Protein backbone atom coordinates (compact mmCIF):
# COMPACT_ATOMS: atom_id res chain seq x y z
CA UNK A 1 -0.01 0.01 0.01
CA UNK A 2 1.41 3.34 -1.00
CA UNK A 3 0.40 6.58 0.70
CA UNK A 4 1.30 10.19 0.43
CA UNK A 5 2.52 12.07 3.51
CA UNK A 6 3.14 15.79 3.70
CA UNK A 7 5.85 16.99 6.16
CA UNK A 8 7.32 20.52 6.40
CA UNK A 9 5.88 21.42 2.98
CA UNK A 10 7.28 18.31 1.27
CA UNK A 11 5.36 15.30 0.11
CA UNK A 12 6.56 11.78 0.99
CA UNK A 13 5.24 8.83 -1.06
CA UNK A 14 5.82 5.16 -0.66
CA UNK A 15 6.99 2.92 2.15
CA UNK A 16 8.52 5.80 4.15
CA UNK A 17 5.11 7.52 4.22
CA UNK A 18 3.43 4.26 5.23
CA UNK A 19 5.92 3.77 8.05
CA UNK A 20 5.38 7.33 9.31
CA UNK A 21 1.62 6.83 9.32
CA UNK A 22 1.93 3.46 11.03
CA UNK A 23 4.26 4.99 13.60
CA UNK A 24 1.74 7.71 14.29
CA UNK A 25 -1.08 5.19 14.53
CA UNK A 26 0.96 3.17 17.04
CA UNK A 27 1.74 6.37 19.02
CA UNK A 28 -1.95 7.27 19.04
CA UNK A 29 -2.79 3.72 20.16
CA UNK A 30 -0.31 4.00 22.99
CA UNK A 31 -1.77 7.35 24.00
CA UNK A 32 -5.26 5.87 23.93
CA UNK A 33 -4.07 2.96 26.13
CA UNK A 34 -2.56 5.44 28.57
CA UNK A 35 -5.77 7.48 28.61
CA UNK A 36 -7.74 4.27 29.30
CA UNK A 37 -5.36 3.39 32.14
CA UNK A 38 -5.77 6.87 33.63
CA UNK A 39 -9.60 6.58 33.39
CA UNK A 40 -9.44 3.24 35.24
CA UNK A 41 -7.22 4.82 37.92
CA UNK A 42 -9.62 7.76 38.20
CA UNK A 43 -12.58 5.43 38.60
CA UNK A 44 -10.67 3.50 41.32
CA UNK A 45 -9.82 6.78 43.07
CA UNK A 46 -13.45 7.78 42.89
CA UNK A 47 -14.42 4.47 44.51
CA UNK A 48 -11.85 4.98 47.29
CA UNK A 49 -13.05 8.55 47.80
CA UNK A 50 -16.67 7.41 47.72
CA UNK A 51 -15.97 4.74 50.33
CA UNK A 52 -14.23 7.30 52.59
CA UNK A 53 -17.03 9.83 52.18
CA UNK A 54 -19.63 7.08 52.80
CA UNK A 55 -17.86 6.16 56.03
CA UNK A 56 -17.89 9.77 57.24
CA UNK A 57 -21.52 10.17 56.21
CA UNK A 58 -22.40 6.99 58.05
CA UNK A 59 -20.72 8.26 61.22
CA UNK A 60 -22.53 11.59 60.90
CA UNK A 61 -25.87 9.91 60.28
CA UNK A 62 -25.40 7.58 63.26
CA UNK A 63 -24.53 10.57 65.48
CA UNK A 64 -27.70 12.35 64.28
CA UNK A 65 -29.86 9.29 64.93
CA UNK A 66 -28.34 8.80 68.40
CA UNK A 67 -28.90 12.43 69.33
CA UNK A 68 -32.49 12.29 68.03
CA UNK A 69 -33.13 9.12 69.99
CA UNK A 70 -31.72 10.58 73.17
CA UNK A 71 -33.76 13.72 72.71
CA UNK A 72 -36.92 11.63 72.19
CA UNK A 73 -36.07 9.60 75.32
CA UNK A 74 -35.33 12.77 77.31
CA UNK A 75 -38.49 14.59 76.36
CA UNK A 76 -40.83 12.40 78.47
CA UNK A 77 -38.28 12.52 81.30
CA UNK A 78 -38.09 16.30 81.12
CA UNK A 79 -41.88 16.59 80.91
CA UNK A 80 -42.37 14.32 83.94
CA UNK A 81 -39.52 16.01 85.80
CA UNK A 82 -41.01 19.43 85.04
CA UNK A 83 -44.43 18.23 86.26
CA UNK A 84 -42.90 16.88 89.44
CA UNK A 85 -40.90 20.10 89.94
CA UNK A 86 -44.05 22.16 89.36
CA UNK A 87 -45.96 20.09 91.91
CA UNK A 88 -43.13 20.45 94.42
CA UNK A 89 -42.97 24.19 93.96
CA UNK A 90 -46.74 24.38 94.42
CA UNK A 91 -46.41 22.40 97.71
CA UNK A 92 -43.60 24.68 98.87
CA UNK A 93 -45.65 27.78 98.03
CA UNK A 94 -48.66 26.32 99.84
CA UNK A 95 -46.56 25.47 102.87
CA UNK A 96 -45.01 28.97 102.76
CA UNK A 97 -48.45 30.52 102.60
CA UNK A 98 -49.56 28.45 105.62
CA UNK A 99 -46.43 29.45 107.48
CA UNK A 100 -47.12 33.09 106.71
CA UNK A 101 -50.68 32.73 107.98
CA UNK A 102 -49.42 31.11 111.16
CA UNK A 103 -46.80 33.78 111.67
CA UNK A 104 -49.39 36.45 111.08
CA UNK A 105 -51.68 34.75 113.65
CA UNK A 106 -48.86 34.65 116.20
CA UNK A 107 -48.02 38.31 115.60
CA UNK A 108 -51.69 39.27 116.01
CA UNK A 109 -52.01 37.18 119.19
CA UNK A 110 -48.91 38.72 120.71
CA UNK A 111 -49.92 42.28 119.91
């Protein structure tokens, strides 16, 4: 097969032109192989990165779920604790009011 190759303004015909074209085709094939290798490496790097990000996201999600669970568990405790505290304060205020009435009665009796 005879081809014509143009280099630096000159035309090359014959086997030398064929060899130059074949050489360029081989070089392009090697470049394509290298590009394919780099794409595979990039895909592997993405997988590694994805795994690392997934691990961090899993930790963050677990922390969120644990905090939400504790908050849900705490809410009834806080509500019942608040109700108990409210009842205790009411008793203290009632007892204080009774003590004030008794003190007032003593003061009135003594005067």
